[in-house]
Amino acid sequence: MTDPIVIVGGASLDTIIHLDTLPTGEPQTLWPRESYKAVGSTGAGKALNLAALDYPVVLHTLLGRDAEGEHIRRHLNRSNITLLVDETDAPTEQHTNLMAADGGRISLFTQPPAAPENLDWRPVEDAMARACCVVINILAYTLPALAIAKQRAIPLWTDLHDYDGKTPYHQPFIDAAEVLFLSSDRLPDYRAFMASQIANGKTLVVCTHGDRGATLLSHTGEWIEQPALKVARAVDTNGAGDAFFSGFLAAYLKGAPLARCMLSAAASGAACVMSRDLVGADPRTLMP
């Protein structure tokens, strides 16, 4: 059996509201095209996509003792996912995502993630002892997991999302990780940042650009540009970045060439945006 991938943080229950355009600053009444509840957040997105690609995953997350937490537990009760939950006195994390027809998004943390102290990290340590790779997401509660992974010398990947190149909050994750993913949304000079991270010893840096594709830089100096794959209709772009990350990681762990990993990532991202869920149809059917 394949050694599991350990993912630390997080899962939420989100309200998704589709609008023709994102709201402007003035007071107004809006009529959504549709709205619905969906499981969200970066840990759940990665876990669901990797599990669908036949990788066993151990996901550690925080959930409240509430209906939202129970909903998430049921949704993640799938083949290839082992869920490690610390229950919190605080409610389960919740977002409200306003989605425009062009894929634009405004995300509101209507119930911020919990940040409890003194968690029992032993179940995560036990899972890491059997892991082939660890993904630690940039939630405040996950910081102790960085030291645990470093002690065990396990390959550590992280996703900086819309990092701006200077916010100090992200620095412990940048320092600890071997592989970095991020988006160029708030980082116009992303190539300079990628080059600086490779110079600092990273193995890979991958930067996504939404429907403009993605860029990779390896420690050997290889640059790869991957266009986004065209889809018949984008249903919901939530989770596309986590799907992209997962498609890349799944191919990478199988020893695929980096260009093939990028294509696998693009296929997973395309499959995701064609679904309301964080994971779409089998992305391998989209591969040329």
Protein backbone atom coordinates (compact mmCIF):
# COMPACT_ATOMS: atom_id res chain seq x y z
CA MET A 1 0.00 0.00 0.00
CA THR A 2 1.17 3.55 -0.77
CA ASP A 3 2.41 5.48 2.26
CA PRO A 4 -0.11 8.18 3.21
CA ILE A 5 0.13 11.91 2.66
CA VAL A 6 -0.45 13.81 5.90
CA ILE A 7 -2.31 17.12 5.58
CA VAL A 8 -2.56 19.46 8.57
CA GLY A 9 -5.45 22.05 8.54
CA GLY A 10 -8.25 22.86 7.68
CA ALA A 11 -11.93 22.35 6.80
CA SER A 12 -14.90 24.71 6.78
CA LEU A 13 -18.56 24.83 5.82
CA ASP A 14 -19.14 27.59 3.29
CA THR A 15 -22.09 29.46 1.85
CA ILE A 16 -21.50 29.96 -1.87
CA ILE A 17 -23.39 32.85 -3.49
CA HIS A 18 -23.22 33.30 -7.27
CA LEU A 19 -23.69 36.82 -8.63
CA ASP A 20 -23.44 38.29 -12.11
CA THR A 21 -20.78 40.70 -10.83
CA LEU A 22 -19.13 41.34 -7.49
CA PRO A 23 -20.72 44.11 -5.41
CA THR A 24 -19.42 47.65 -5.57
CA GLY A 25 -18.98 49.93 -2.58
CA GLU A 26 -22.38 51.62 -2.50
CA PRO A 27 -25.41 50.28 -0.59
CA GLN A 28 -27.46 47.97 -2.81
CA THR A 29 -29.75 44.96 -2.95
CA LEU A 30 -28.40 41.96 -4.85
CA TRP A 31 -30.26 39.02 -6.38
CA PRO A 32 -28.02 35.94 -6.54
CA ARG A 33 -28.23 33.55 -9.46
CA GLU A 34 -27.98 30.69 -6.93
CA SER A 35 -26.59 29.88 -3.49
CA TYR A 36 -25.76 26.69 -1.61
CA LYS A 37 -23.72 25.19 1.21
CA ALA A 38 -20.47 23.36 0.46
CA VAL A 39 -17.52 21.95 2.38
CA GLY A 40 -14.51 24.20 1.86
CA SER A 41 -11.03 25.21 2.98
CA THR A 42 -7.63 24.19 1.82
CA GLY A 43 -7.13 20.97 3.79
CA ALA A 44 -10.46 19.47 2.74
CA GLY A 45 -9.82 20.46 -0.87
CA LYS A 46 -6.42 18.79 -1.00
CA ALA A 47 -7.63 15.69 0.85
CA LEU A 48 -10.63 15.15 -1.44
CA ASN A 49 -8.61 15.58 -4.62
CA LEU A 50 -5.71 13.37 -3.54
CA ALA A 51 -8.11 10.67 -2.34
CA ALA A 52 -9.90 10.76 -5.69
CA LEU A 53 -6.51 10.21 -7.35
CA ASP A 54 -6.10 7.02 -5.27
CA TYR A 55 -3.70 8.38 -2.65
CA PRO A 56 -4.38 7.58 1.02
CA VAL A 57 -4.61 10.79 3.03
CA VAL A 58 -4.57 11.57 6.74
CA LEU A 59 -6.21 14.95 7.34
CA HIS A 60 -5.95 16.70 10.69
CA THR A 61 -8.42 19.51 11.26
CA LEU A 62 -10.33 21.41 13.93
CA LEU A 63 -14.13 21.13 14.12
CA GLY A 64 -16.63 22.54 16.56
CA ARG A 65 -19.23 20.50 18.40
CA ASP A 66 -21.96 21.66 16.08
CA ALA A 67 -24.05 20.74 13.04
CA GLU A 68 -21.48 22.30 10.69
CA GLY A 69 -18.74 20.08 12.08
CA GLU A 70 -20.93 17.00 11.70
CA HIS A 71 -21.71 17.96 8.10
CA ILE A 72 -17.98 18.15 7.33
CA ARG A 73 -17.31 14.79 9.00
CA ARG A 74 -19.96 13.12 6.83
CA HIS A 75 -18.67 14.74 3.65
CA LEU A 76 -15.08 13.64 4.31
CA ASN A 77 -16.09 10.08 5.22
CA ARG A 78 -14.70 8.71 1.97
CA SER A 79 -12.38 6.00 0.78
CA ASN A 80 -8.69 6.92 1.16
CA ILE A 81 -9.32 9.64 3.80
CA THR A 82 -8.52 9.15 7.49
CA LEU A 83 -9.80 12.08 9.50
CA LEU A 84 -8.07 13.22 12.70
CA VAL A 85 -10.26 15.77 14.48
CA ASP A 86 -9.62 17.96 17.49
CA GLU A 87 -12.97 19.27 18.72
CA THR A 88 -13.00 22.88 19.82
CA ASP A 89 -15.21 24.98 22.06
CA ALA A 90 -15.34 27.53 19.24
CA PRO A 91 -17.78 26.93 16.36
CA THR A 92 -16.63 25.26 13.16
CA GLU A 93 -14.93 27.55 10.65
CA GLN A 94 -17.34 29.04 8.10
CA HIS A 95 -16.95 31.28 5.05
CA THR A 96 -19.32 33.16 2.78
CA ASN A 97 -17.96 33.29 -0.77
CA LEU A 98 -19.36 35.77 -3.28
CA MET A 99 -18.67 34.44 -6.79
CA ALA A 100 -18.85 36.48 -10.00
CA ALA A 101 -19.59 35.04 -13.44
CA ASP A 102 -16.01 35.80 -14.53
CA GLY A 103 -14.57 33.70 -11.67
CA GLY A 104 -13.85 36.61 -9.33
CA ARG A 105 -14.38 35.97 -5.64
CA ILE A 106 -14.80 37.78 -2.34
CA SER A 107 -14.41 35.45 0.64
CA LEU A 108 -15.72 36.48 4.08
CA PHE A 109 -14.65 34.61 7.21
CA THR A 110 -18.07 34.57 8.84
CA GLN A 111 -16.72 32.22 11.52
CA PRO A 112 -12.92 32.50 11.77
CA PRO A 113 -10.80 29.37 12.27
CA ALA A 114 -10.20 28.33 15.85
CA ALA A 115 -6.68 28.62 17.30
CA PRO A 116 -6.63 26.47 20.44
CA GLU A 117 -3.50 26.05 22.52
CA ASN A 118 -2.04 22.82 23.89
CA LEU A 119 -3.36 20.38 21.29
CA ASP A 120 -2.31 16.76 21.61
CA TRP A 121 -0.10 16.34 18.54
CA ARG A 122 0.68 12.65 19.15
CA PRO A 123 -1.85 11.33 16.58
CA VAL A 124 -0.30 13.61 13.95
CA GLU A 125 3.21 12.49 14.92
CA ASP A 126 2.15 8.85 14.58
CA ALA A 127 0.69 9.57 11.15
CA MET A 128 3.86 11.38 10.06
CA ALA A 129 5.92 8.34 11.04
CA ARG A 130 4.23 6.45 8.17
CA ALA A 131 3.96 9.34 5.71
CA CYS A 132 5.64 9.85 2.35
CA CYS A 133 4.98 13.59 2.42
CA VAL A 134 3.48 16.23 4.70
CA VAL A 135 1.39 19.22 3.61
CA ILE A 136 1.03 21.90 6.29
CA ASN A 137 -1.45 24.63 5.50
CA ILE A 138 -1.04 28.22 6.67
CA LEU A 139 -3.42 28.24 9.65
CA ALA A 140 -2.19 29.60 12.97
CA TYR A 141 -2.88 26.36 14.84
CA THR A 142 -0.63 24.33 12.49
CA LEU A 143 2.63 26.07 13.45
CA PRO A 144 3.73 23.32 15.91
CA ALA A 145 3.38 20.75 13.12
CA LEU A 146 6.24 22.45 11.24
CA ALA A 147 8.71 21.46 13.97
CA ILE A 148 7.34 17.92 14.12
CA ALA A 149 7.82 17.44 10.38
CA LYS A 150 11.31 18.94 10.54
CA GLN A 151 12.31 16.55 13.33
CA ARG A 152 11.23 13.60 11.23
CA ALA A 153 12.92 14.94 8.07
CA ILE A 154 9.78 14.34 5.98
CA PRO A 155 9.36 16.23 2.68
CA LEU A 156 7.21 19.22 3.58
CA TRP A 157 5.04 21.13 1.10
CA THR A 158 3.00 24.24 1.76
CA ASP A 159 0.60 26.49 -0.13
CA LEU A 160 1.01 30.23 0.49
CA HIS A 161 -2.16 31.13 -1.48
CA ASP A 162 -2.29 34.88 -2.21
CA TYR A 163 0.96 35.77 -0.43
CA ASP A 164 2.17 39.30 -1.17
CA GLY A 165 5.88 38.62 -0.78
CA LYS A 166 6.30 40.43 2.54
CA THR A 167 3.63 39.53 5.14
CA PRO A 168 5.57 38.08 8.12
CA TYR A 169 2.78 35.64 9.02
CA HIS A 170 3.85 33.33 6.17
CA GLN A 171 7.56 33.27 6.97
CA PRO A 172 7.65 30.20 9.30
CA PHE A 173 5.90 28.16 6.60
CA ILE A 174 8.27 29.44 3.91
CA ASP A 175 11.31 28.64 6.06
CA ALA A 176 10.17 25.10 6.84
CA ALA A 177 8.90 23.93 3.45
CA GLU A 178 10.85 22.15 0.74
CA VAL A 179 8.24 22.92 -1.94
CA LEU A 180 6.20 26.12 -2.18
CA PHE A 181 2.96 26.81 -4.05
CA LEU A 182 1.39 30.26 -4.26
CA SER A 183 -0.69 32.45 -6.54
CA SER A 184 0.34 35.62 -8.34
CA ASP A 185 -2.84 37.47 -7.31
CA ARG A 186 -0.95 39.83 -4.98
CA LEU A 187 2.57 39.25 -6.26
CA PRO A 188 3.16 40.91 -9.64
CA ASP A 189 6.91 40.20 -9.54
CA TYR A 190 6.35 36.52 -8.85
CA ARG A 191 9.29 35.30 -10.96
CA ALA A 192 11.77 37.23 -8.79
CA PHE A 193 10.22 35.73 -5.65
CA MET A 194 10.38 32.23 -7.13
CA ALA A 195 14.05 32.67 -8.07
CA SER A 196 14.89 33.95 -4.59
CA GLN A 197 13.29 30.90 -2.98
CA ILE A 198 15.20 28.49 -5.19
CA ALA A 199 18.38 30.38 -4.28
CA ASN A 200 17.40 29.82 -0.63
CA GLY A 201 17.35 26.05 -1.14
CA LYS A 202 13.79 25.16 -2.15
CA THR A 203 13.36 22.16 -4.46
CA LEU A 204 10.39 23.56 -6.39
CA VAL A 205 8.30 26.71 -6.48
CA VAL A 206 5.00 26.77 -8.38
CA CYS A 207 2.96 29.93 -8.95
CA THR A 208 -0.61 29.79 -10.27
CA HIS A 209 -2.33 32.52 -12.28
CA GLY A 210 -5.99 31.42 -12.38
CA ASP A 211 -7.23 31.05 -15.95
CA ARG A 212 -3.81 32.20 -17.20
CA GLY A 213 -2.16 28.95 -16.16
CA ALA A 214 0.85 28.43 -13.90
CA THR A 215 4.64 28.76 -13.73
CA LEU A 216 7.19 26.35 -12.21
CA LEU A 217 10.84 26.87 -11.29
CA SER A 218 12.94 23.89 -10.20
CA HIS A 219 16.19 23.77 -8.25
CA THR A 220 17.96 22.93 -11.53
CA GLY A 221 16.85 26.25 -13.00
CA GLU A 222 14.14 24.80 -15.24
CA TRP A 223 11.19 27.11 -15.93
CA ILE A 224 7.93 25.54 -17.12
CA GLU A 225 4.81 27.44 -18.21
CA GLN A 226 1.53 25.49 -18.13
CA PRO A 227 -1.58 26.99 -19.75
CA ALA A 228 -4.93 26.48 -18.05
CA LEU A 229 -7.01 23.77 -19.73
CA LYS A 230 -10.17 25.04 -21.36
CA VAL A 231 -13.48 23.86 -19.90
CA ALA A 232 -16.94 23.85 -21.42
CA ARG A 233 -18.40 25.78 -18.49
CA ALA A 234 -16.93 26.95 -15.20
CA VAL A 235 -19.48 26.09 -12.49
CA ASP A 236 -17.58 27.07 -9.33
CA THR A 237 -13.92 28.09 -9.06
CA ASN A 238 -13.72 27.48 -5.29
CA GLY A 239 -10.94 25.02 -4.52
CA ALA A 240 -9.31 25.13 -7.96
CA GLY A 241 -5.92 25.98 -6.46
CA ASP A 242 -6.08 23.05 -4.03
CA ALA A 243 -7.10 20.74 -6.88
CA PHE A 244 -4.14 22.02 -8.93
CA PHE A 245 -1.78 21.40 -5.99
CA SER A 246 -3.14 17.87 -5.55
CA GLY A 247 -2.88 16.93 -9.20
CA PHE A 248 0.73 18.05 -9.21
CA LEU A 249 1.63 16.23 -5.98
CA ALA A 250 -0.01 12.98 -7.07
CA ALA A 251 1.94 12.93 -10.33
CA TYR A 252 5.18 14.01 -8.63
CA LEU A 253 5.04 11.18 -6.10
CA LYS A 254 4.70 8.74 -8.99
CA GLY A 255 7.94 10.05 -10.47
CA ALA A 256 6.40 11.85 -13.44
CA PRO A 257 8.49 14.49 -15.27
CA LEU A 258 7.81 18.02 -14.08
CA ALA A 259 6.03 19.00 -17.30
CA ARG A 260 3.69 16.05 -16.83
CA CYS A 261 3.11 17.05 -13.21
CA MET A 262 2.06 20.51 -14.36
CA LEU A 263 -0.33 19.02 -16.92
CA SER A 264 -1.81 16.74 -14.25
CA ALA A 265 -2.25 19.77 -12.00
CA ALA A 266 -4.01 21.73 -14.74
CA ALA A 267 -6.36 18.80 -15.39
CA SER A 268 -7.30 18.57 -11.70
CA GLY A 269 -7.93 22.31 -11.57
CA ALA A 270 -10.12 22.12 -14.68
CA ALA A 271 -12.14 19.21 -13.28
CA CYS A 272 -12.70 21.15 -10.04
CA VAL A 273 -14.13 24.28 -11.68
CA MET A 274 -16.70 22.17 -13.52
CA SER A 275 -18.18 21.00 -10.19
CA ARG A 276 -19.88 22.55 -7.16
CA ASP A 277 -17.74 20.30 -4.99
CA LEU A 278 -14.06 20.77 -4.16
CA VAL A 279 -13.30 17.76 -6.34
CA GLY A 280 -14.72 17.19 -9.81
CA ALA A 281 -14.90 14.26 -12.19
CA ASP A 282 -11.77 12.13 -12.72
CA PRO A 283 -9.23 14.65 -14.06
CA ARG A 284 -7.33 11.87 -15.84
CA THR A 285 -10.07 11.93 -18.47
CA LEU A 286 -8.98 15.49 -19.34
CA MET A 287 -5.34 14.59 -19.90
CA PRO A 288 -4.16 14.69 -23.53
